[in-house]
Protein backbone atom coordinates (compact mmCIF):
# COMPACT_ATOMS: atom_id res chain seq x y z
CA UNK A 1 -27.96 5.45 13.90
CA UNK A 2 -24.91 7.53 14.91
CA UNK A 3 -25.14 11.21 14.03
CA UNK A 4 -22.60 12.69 16.44
CA UNK A 5 -19.17 13.22 14.83
CA UNK A 6 -17.16 12.42 17.97
CA UNK A 7 -19.07 9.18 18.53
CA UNK A 8 -18.61 8.28 14.86
CA UNK A 9 -14.81 8.72 15.05
CA UNK A 10 -14.63 6.87 18.37
CA UNK A 11 -16.51 3.87 16.97
CA UNK A 12 -14.27 3.75 13.88
CA UNK A 13 -11.02 3.86 15.84
CA UNK A 14 -12.23 1.34 18.42
CA UNK A 15 -13.48 -1.06 15.73
CA UNK A 16 -10.16 -0.83 13.88
CA UNK A 17 -8.29 -1.45 17.16
CA UNK A 18 -10.34 -4.56 17.95
CA UNK A 19 -9.79 -5.98 14.46
CA UNK A 20 -6.04 -5.34 14.65
CA UNK A 21 -5.91 -7.25 17.95
CA UNK A 22 -7.77 -10.31 16.61
CA UNK A 23 -4.62 -12.21 15.48
CA UNK A 24 -3.34 -12.06 19.06
CA UNK A 25 -6.64 -13.28 20.52
CA UNK A 26 -7.16 -16.32 18.31
CA UNK A 27 -4.53 -19.04 18.50
CA UNK A 28 -3.96 -22.20 16.52
CA UNK A 29 -2.87 -23.15 13.03
CA UNK A 30 -6.28 -22.44 11.49
CA UNK A 31 -6.34 -18.88 12.86
CA UNK A 32 -2.72 -18.32 11.84
CA UNK A 33 -3.46 -19.52 8.33
CA UNK A 34 -6.58 -17.34 8.12
CA UNK A 35 -4.87 -14.13 9.22
CA UNK A 36 -1.87 -14.78 6.96
CA UNK A 37 -4.19 -14.70 3.94
CA UNK A 38 -6.76 -12.21 5.31
CA UNK A 39 -4.75 -9.67 7.33
CA UNK A 40 -6.43 -7.15 9.67
CA UNK A 41 -6.19 -4.37 7.09
CA UNK A 42 -8.51 -6.34 4.79
CA UNK A 43 -10.88 -7.09 7.67
CA UNK A 44 -11.05 -3.38 8.53
CA UNK A 45 -11.99 -2.60 4.92
CA UNK A 46 -14.68 -5.25 4.79
CA UNK A 47 -15.97 -4.78 8.35
CA UNK A 48 -16.45 -1.03 8.21
CA UNK A 49 -17.89 -1.13 4.72
CA UNK A 50 -20.40 -3.65 6.04
CA UNK A 51 -21.27 -1.39 9.00
CA UNK A 52 -21.70 1.55 6.64
CA UNK A 53 -23.97 -0.52 4.41
CA UNK A 54 -26.00 -1.52 7.48
CA UNK A 55 -26.55 2.18 8.25
CA UNK A 56 -24.82 2.31 11.63
CA UNK A 57 -24.01 6.00 11.11
CA UNK A 58 -25.57 8.86 9.15
CA UNK A 59 -23.25 9.68 6.25
CA UNK A 60 -24.45 13.25 5.90
CA UNK A 61 -24.41 14.10 9.62
CA UNK A 62 -20.89 12.68 10.10
CA UNK A 63 -19.41 14.15 6.91
CA UNK A 64 -17.96 17.14 8.78
CA UNK A 65 -15.93 14.97 11.16
CA UNK A 66 -14.77 12.81 8.26
CA UNK A 67 -13.76 15.74 6.06
CA UNK A 68 -11.82 17.54 8.79
CA UNK A 69 -9.74 14.49 9.76
CA UNK A 70 -9.13 12.32 6.70
CA UNK A 71 -6.65 14.37 4.65
CA UNK A 72 -4.56 15.75 7.55
CA UNK A 73 -4.17 12.26 9.02
CA UNK A 74 -3.51 10.80 5.58
CA UNK A 75 -0.70 13.26 4.82
CA UNK A 76 0.81 12.86 8.30
CA UNK A 77 0.75 9.07 7.91
CA UNK A 78 2.41 9.21 4.49
CA UNK A 79 5.15 11.50 5.80
CA UNK A 80 5.94 9.38 8.87
CA UNK A 81 5.83 6.19 6.81
CA UNK A 82 8.37 7.60 4.36
CA UNK A 83 10.78 8.41 7.20
CA UNK A 84 11.57 4.68 7.22
CA UNK A 85 12.65 4.71 3.55
CA UNK A 86 16.38 5.43 3.65
CA UNK A 87 17.36 5.26 -0.03
CA UNK A 88 20.98 4.54 0.91
CA UNK A 89 19.96 1.18 2.39
CA UNK A 90 17.72 0.37 -0.55
CA UNK A 91 20.63 0.84 -2.98
CA UNK A 92 22.50 -1.90 -1.10
CA UNK A 93 20.03 -4.48 -2.39
CA UNK A 94 21.99 -4.55 -5.59
CA UNK A 95 20.95 -4.13 -9.22
CA UNK A 96 19.07 -7.39 -9.68
CA UNK A 97 16.81 -6.84 -6.66
CA UNK A 98 16.05 -3.33 -7.87
CA UNK A 99 15.49 -4.61 -11.41
CA UNK A 100 13.04 -7.14 -9.96
CA UNK A 101 11.20 -4.51 -7.97
CA UNK A 102 10.82 -2.03 -10.83
CA UNK A 103 9.95 -4.85 -13.25
CA UNK A 104 7.10 -5.73 -10.90
CA UNK A 105 5.99 -2.10 -10.62
CA UNK A 106 6.08 -1.53 -14.40
CA UNK A 107 4.27 -4.80 -15.14
CA UNK A 108 1.55 -3.91 -12.65
CA UNK A 109 1.11 -0.55 -14.37
CA UNK A 110 0.90 -2.28 -17.76
CA UNK A 111 -1.65 -4.69 -16.32
CA UNK A 112 -3.92 -1.86 -15.19
CA UNK A 113 -3.71 -0.08 -18.54
CA UNK A 114 -4.45 -3.32 -20.43
CA UNK A 115 -7.30 -4.27 -18.12
CA UNK A 116 -8.92 -0.83 -18.38
CA UNK A 117 -8.59 -0.90 -22.17
CA UNK A 118 -10.37 -4.26 -22.24
CA UNK A 119 -13.04 -3.53 -19.61
CA UNK A 120 -13.76 0.20 -19.84
CA UNK A 121 -16.97 -0.41 -21.78
CA UNK A 122 -18.32 -2.39 -18.81
CA UNK A 123 -16.73 -0.51 -15.91
CA UNK A 124 -17.42 2.98 -17.25
CA UNK A 125 -15.12 5.69 -18.56
CA UNK A 126 -14.52 7.16 -15.07
CA UNK A 127 -13.24 3.81 -13.76
CA UNK A 128 -9.68 4.96 -14.45
CA UNK A 129 -9.78 7.00 -11.24
CA UNK A 130 -10.40 4.19 -8.70
CA UNK A 131 -8.20 1.87 -10.78
CA UNK A 132 -5.42 4.47 -10.58
CA UNK A 133 -5.83 4.61 -6.80
CA UNK A 134 -5.69 0.81 -6.59
CA UNK A 135 -2.61 0.84 -8.81
CA UNK A 136 -1.00 3.12 -6.23
CA UNK A 137 -1.79 0.50 -3.60
CA UNK A 138 -0.50 -2.40 -5.70
CA UNK A 139 2.74 -0.51 -6.40
CA UNK A 140 3.10 0.62 -2.80
CA UNK A 141 0.53 0.26 -0.05
CA UNK A 142 -2.74 1.43 1.42
CA UNK A 143 -1.30 4.84 2.19
CA UNK A 144 -0.40 5.36 -1.48
CA UNK A 145 -3.89 4.33 -2.56
CA UNK A 146 -5.47 6.89 -0.26
CA UNK A 147 -2.98 9.53 -1.39
CA UNK A 148 -3.95 8.94 -5.04
CA UNK A 149 -7.62 8.95 -4.05
CA UNK A 150 -7.15 12.35 -2.41
CA UNK A 151 -5.18 13.68 -5.38
CA UNK A 152 -7.82 12.60 -7.89
CA UNK A 153 -10.77 13.49 -5.60
CA UNK A 154 -12.38 10.05 -5.93
CA UNK A 155 -15.76 9.49 -4.30
CA UNK A 156 -15.77 6.88 -1.53
CA UNK A 157 -18.72 5.05 -3.06
CA UNK A 158 -16.81 4.51 -6.31
CA UNK A 159 -13.74 3.39 -4.35
CA UNK A 160 -15.77 0.55 -2.84
CA UNK A 161 -15.35 -1.43 -6.07
CA UNK A 162 -11.58 -0.99 -6.01
CA UNK A 163 -11.41 -1.95 -2.33
CA UNK A 164 -13.29 -5.21 -2.89
CA UNK A 165 -11.13 -5.89 -5.95
CA UNK A 166 -8.07 -5.24 -3.80
CA UNK A 167 -9.12 -7.51 -0.95
CA UNK A 168 -10.27 -10.50 -3.03
CA UNK A 169 -7.84 -10.44 -5.97
CA UNK A 170 -4.93 -9.35 -3.79
CA UNK A 171 -5.55 -12.14 -1.30
CA UNK A 172 -5.73 -14.76 -4.06
CA UNK A 173 -2.44 -13.52 -5.51
CA UNK A 174 -0.74 -13.62 -2.10
CA UNK A 175 -1.81 -17.25 -1.80
CA UNK A 176 -0.41 -17.97 -5.27
CA UNK A 177 2.98 -16.37 -4.51
CA UNK A 178 3.33 -18.20 -1.19
CA UNK A 179 2.80 -21.40 -3.16
CA UNK A 180 5.12 -20.44 -6.05
CA UNK A 181 8.09 -19.49 -3.87
CA UNK A 182 8.26 -23.09 -2.68
CA UNK A 183 9.71 -24.23 -6.04
CA UNK A 184 13.03 -22.37 -6.24
CA UNK A 185 15.19 -25.08 -7.82
CA UNK A 186 13.14 -25.57 -10.98
CA UNK A 187 12.51 -21.86 -11.55
CA UNK A 188 16.09 -20.77 -10.87
CA UNK A 189 17.42 -23.52 -13.13
CA UNK A 190 15.09 -22.36 -15.90
CA UNK A 191 16.13 -18.69 -15.58
CA UNK A 192 19.81 -19.57 -14.88
CA UNK A 193 19.78 -17.29 -11.81
CA UNK A 194 22.76 -16.84 -9.48
CA UNK A 195 21.64 -16.38 -5.84
CA UNK A 196 25.02 -15.93 -4.14
CA UNK A 197 24.84 -12.11 -4.00
CA UNK A 198 21.27 -12.25 -2.67
CA UNK A 199 22.25 -14.58 0.15
CA UNK A 200 25.15 -12.35 1.22
CA UNK A 201 22.97 -9.20 1.27
CA UNK A 202 20.35 -10.97 3.36
CA UNK A 203 22.96 -12.08 5.90
CA UNK A 204 24.37 -8.55 6.18
CA UNK A 205 20.93 -6.99 6.68
CA UNK A 206 20.02 -9.52 9.35
CA UNK A 207 23.24 -8.73 11.25
CA UNK A 208 22.45 -4.99 11.07
CA UNK A 209 18.90 -5.54 12.36
CA UNK A 210 20.21 -7.49 15.35
CA UNK A 211 22.42 -4.53 16.27
CA UNK A 212 19.46 -2.10 16.47
CA UNK A 213 19.29 -1.09 20.14
CA UNK A 214 17.04 1.96 19.76
CA UNK A 215 14.27 2.32 22.34
CA UNK A 216 10.72 3.47 21.76
CA UNK A 217 10.14 6.47 24.05
CA UNK A 218 7.18 8.78 24.51
CA UNK A 219 9.39 11.69 23.48
CA UNK A 220 9.97 10.02 20.10
CA UNK A 221 6.25 9.36 19.73
CA UNK A 222 5.21 12.97 20.29
CA UNK A 223 8.06 14.34 18.15
CA UNK A 224 7.22 12.10 15.21
CA UNK A 225 3.48 12.71 15.57
CA UNK A 226 3.99 16.48 15.76
CA UNK A 227 6.37 16.39 12.80
CA UNK A 228 3.84 14.46 10.73
CA UNK A 229 0.98 16.83 11.53
CA UNK A 230 3.14 19.89 10.92
CA UNK A 231 4.41 18.48 7.61
CA UNK A 232 0.81 17.77 6.59
CA UNK A 233 -0.30 21.31 7.43
CA UNK A 234 2.67 23.03 5.75
CA UNK A 235 2.53 20.88 2.59
CA UNK A 236 -1.23 21.40 2.34
CA UNK A 237 -0.74 25.16 2.45
CA UNK A 238 2.16 25.06 -0.03
CA UNK A 239 0.23 22.67 -2.26
CA UNK A 240 -2.58 25.21 -2.50
CA UNK A 241 -0.18 28.04 -3.36
CA UNK A 242 1.72 26.01 -5.98
CA UNK A 243 -1.53 24.63 -7.39
CA UNK A 244 -2.72 28.17 -8.14
CA UNK A 245 0.56 29.08 -9.83
CA UNK A 246 1.09 25.78 -11.70
CA UNK A 247 -2.38 24.58 -12.59
CA UNK A 248 -1.38 21.39 -14.44
CA UNK A 249 -1.63 19.67 -11.00
CA UNK A 250 -4.31 20.54 -8.47
CA UNK A 251 -3.79 21.33 -4.78
CA UNK A 252 -4.19 17.73 -3.58
CA UNK A 253 -1.70 16.35 -6.10
CA UNK A 254 0.92 18.97 -5.25
CA UNK A 255 0.40 18.30 -1.54
CA UNK A 256 1.00 14.58 -1.98
CA UNK A 257 4.11 15.16 -4.08
CA UNK A 258 5.52 17.65 -1.54
CA UNK A 259 4.88 15.22 1.33
CA UNK A 260 6.64 12.41 -0.59
CA UNK A 261 9.74 14.48 -1.42
CA UNK A 262 9.98 15.86 2.12
CA UNK A 263 9.60 12.42 3.72
CA UNK A 264 12.20 10.77 1.49
CA UNK A 265 14.68 13.60 2.14
CA UNK A 266 14.22 13.65 5.93
CA UNK A 267 14.52 9.83 6.06
CA UNK A 268 18.26 10.35 5.54
CA UNK A 269 18.50 12.75 8.50
CA UNK A 270 18.49 12.04 12.28
CA UNK A 271 14.68 12.33 12.22
CA UNK A 272 14.56 9.19 10.09
CA UNK A 273 16.55 7.29 12.72
CA UNK A 274 14.06 7.84 15.54
CA UNK A 275 12.37 4.69 16.81
CA UNK A 276 8.60 4.80 16.47
CA UNK A 277 7.96 5.75 12.83
CA UNK A 278 6.66 2.26 12.05
CA UNK A 279 4.34 2.14 15.06
CA UNK A 280 2.87 5.62 14.57
CA UNK A 281 2.44 5.26 10.80
CA UNK A 282 0.63 1.94 11.34
CA UNK A 283 -1.76 3.53 13.83
CA UNK A 284 -2.52 6.37 11.44
CA UNK A 285 -2.82 3.95 8.52
CA UNK A 286 -5.50 1.88 10.23
CA UNK A 287 -7.41 4.99 11.32
CA UNK A 288 -7.38 6.44 7.80
CA UNK A 289 -8.39 3.07 6.32
CA UNK A 290 -11.28 2.96 8.78
CA UNK A 291 -12.33 6.47 7.74
CA UNK A 292 -12.21 5.61 4.02
CA UNK A 293 -14.08 2.33 4.43
CA UNK A 294 -16.75 3.99 6.58
CA UNK A 295 -18.01 6.00 3.59
CA UNK A 296 -18.46 3.08 1.18
CA UNK A 297 -22.00 1.74 0.86
CA UNK A 298 -21.82 -1.79 -0.56
CA UNK A 299 -25.54 -1.84 -1.38
CA UNK A 300 -24.76 0.11 -4.56
CA UNK A 301 -22.20 -2.43 -5.79
CA UNK A 302 -24.06 -4.14 -8.56
CA UNK A 303 -21.07 -4.36 -10.91
CA UNK A 304 -18.63 -6.14 -8.58
CA UNK A 305 -18.04 -9.26 -10.81
CA UNK A 306 -16.72 -7.07 -13.65
CA UNK A 307 -14.29 -5.36 -11.26
CA UNK A 308 -13.06 -8.72 -9.97
CA UNK A 309 -12.47 -9.87 -13.55
CA UNK A 310 -10.54 -6.66 -14.14
CA UNK A 311 -8.35 -7.43 -11.14
CA UNK A 312 -7.62 -10.92 -12.43
CA UNK A 313 -6.63 -9.47 -15.82
CA UNK A 314 -4.22 -7.06 -14.12
CA UNK A 315 -2.58 -9.88 -12.16
CA UNK A 316 -2.41 -12.18 -15.19
CA UNK A 317 -0.60 -9.52 -17.24
CA UNK A 318 1.69 -8.75 -14.29
CA UNK A 319 2.60 -12.43 -13.80
CA UNK A 320 3.22 -13.04 -17.51
CA UNK A 321 5.49 -9.99 -17.84
CA UNK A 322 7.39 -10.90 -14.67
CA UNK A 323 8.08 -14.43 -15.90
CA UNK A 324 9.34 -13.08 -19.23
CA UNK A 325 11.58 -10.53 -17.52
CA UNK A 326 12.85 -13.17 -15.09
CA UNK A 327 14.06 -15.22 -18.03
CA UNK A 328 15.56 -12.17 -19.72
CA UNK A 329 17.43 -10.84 -16.66
CA UNK A 330 18.03 -14.24 -15.02
CA UNK A 331 16.08 -13.37 -11.89
CA UNK A 332 15.58 -15.98 -9.17
CA UNK A 333 12.20 -17.03 -7.77
CA UNK A 334 12.74 -15.16 -4.51
CA UNK A 335 13.45 -11.86 -6.26
CA UNK A 336 10.39 -12.22 -8.49
CA UNK A 337 7.98 -13.25 -5.74
CA UNK A 338 9.12 -10.81 -3.07
CA UNK A 339 9.28 -7.95 -5.60
CA UNK A 340 5.75 -8.75 -6.71
CA UNK A 341 4.44 -9.03 -3.17
CA UNK A 342 6.39 -5.96 -2.01
CA UNK A 343 4.32 -4.04 -4.55
CA UNK A 344 0.94 -5.72 -4.15
CA UNK A 345 1.07 -6.78 -0.51
CA UNK A 346 3.42 -4.21 1.05
CA UNK A 347 5.08 -4.51 4.44
CA UNK A 348 2.28 -6.68 5.78
CA UNK A 349 3.01 -9.67 3.55
CA UNK A 350 6.38 -9.25 1.76
CA UNK A 351 8.38 -10.10 4.92
CA UNK A 352 6.18 -13.17 5.44
CA UNK A 353 7.01 -14.48 1.99
CA UNK A 354 10.69 -13.62 2.46
CA UNK A 355 10.72 -15.55 5.72
CA UNK A 356 9.00 -18.48 4.04
CA UNK A 357 11.90 -18.68 1.59
CA UNK A 358 14.71 -17.95 4.06
CA UNK A 359 14.40 -16.29 7.48
CA UNK A 360 17.66 -14.42 6.90
CA UNK A 361 16.02 -12.56 4.01
CA UNK A 362 13.10 -11.07 5.94
CA UNK A 363 14.84 -7.63 6.01
CA UNK A 364 15.02 -7.72 2.20
CA UNK A 365 11.25 -8.11 2.04
CA UNK A 366 10.80 -5.20 4.44
CA UNK A 367 13.11 -2.84 2.54
CA UNK A 368 11.63 -3.71 -0.85
CA UNK A 369 8.14 -3.11 0.51
CA UNK A 370 9.26 0.25 1.89
CA UNK A 371 10.56 1.19 -1.56
CA UNK A 372 7.00 0.73 -2.78
CA UNK A 373 5.88 3.60 -0.56
CA UNK A 374 8.29 5.87 -2.45
CA UNK A 375 7.08 4.98 -5.96
CA UNK A 376 3.46 3.99 -5.27
CA UNK A 377 1.87 7.43 -5.25
CA UNK A 378 3.67 8.74 -8.33
CA UNK A 379 3.20 5.44 -10.13
CA UNK A 380 -0.52 5.38 -9.39
CA UNK A 381 -0.98 8.94 -10.64
CA UNK A 382 1.02 8.20 -13.80
CA UNK A 383 -0.96 5.05 -14.62
CA UNK A 384 -4.21 6.90 -13.90
CA UNK A 385 -3.17 9.57 -16.40
CA UNK A 386 -2.40 6.91 -19.03
CA UNK A 387 -5.78 5.23 -18.46
CA UNK A 388 -7.58 8.59 -18.69
CA UNK A 389 -6.21 8.97 -22.21
CA UNK A 390 -8.03 5.75 -23.17
CA UNK A 391 -11.37 6.82 -21.66
């Protein structure tokens, strides 16, 4: 059993690195199909939760190393990730794409509120906290989930239910969307959608991506990393000061909100144009995911079936509302599916679905997924607050 904090961190980072490299080590259609439905981020969740359950490290002895690293790395990751979210580019997607995205986000929020209302007697009154964190993930990404978890001070053991619900229900829904997007003619005819504007935006974004000649340099890497750590430290300090003066949000919530505003603002400055934000934020994301998963003991998960049913209720409500809104606003199948997956799957899967429909529209999937990072944290906190009123 590992009791040394340095060894504990080293094992987590190395394990996450090995899992991330697996898609490049295994070739063939079967492996490609497997990793498209079960991406490395899910395997990191499951693998490290399994190692924790097996008792590979002492939770109490390694708590100091965990506590000193998790939040600073989380805030730095969120800041660097948001540097990629230039709102000026997102506006170019046009009104229907944005309507599709926010329809997906709102319907996901409604799904969580409805599912908690139906299942709170089984899940427990405090289930709104991990469900709120998962809502942040399904509106944005893993970084948003961990930001909401930090803001609401959710215990890692309780989060284990939400993580399993995320991996299993989320994977099933990705499979469903990849199947559904293959029937554009019937759906678009039913909704009376016009796809000409979408096709032109996709072509323009692809042309812009081809003209990106920026190079990844070590100077960019250290500047972005230093900026992220400094932003995390400054916003943590300011969050504590503001939290004492304005007590309706605590320190963690104010810190997350400050990081989000700062990242979105600086994304429109030269700092947001530096090559390397994606690479560094991904590294930090996988490390933070490994840290979170390493504190979840699956041996205590006796109520997992009820949480999986809750996840299916959320997705059923989300799908039903999206279909109704697609008919109302005449949205095409691509907009509905990529908006849904941009929320639930994030940058890992939305571009895959976009490319499945039309390779020219991959940038649309990326940008819509990045928009989720902007709204995911605030959306998760808002939905958590609504669910708490039902507890």
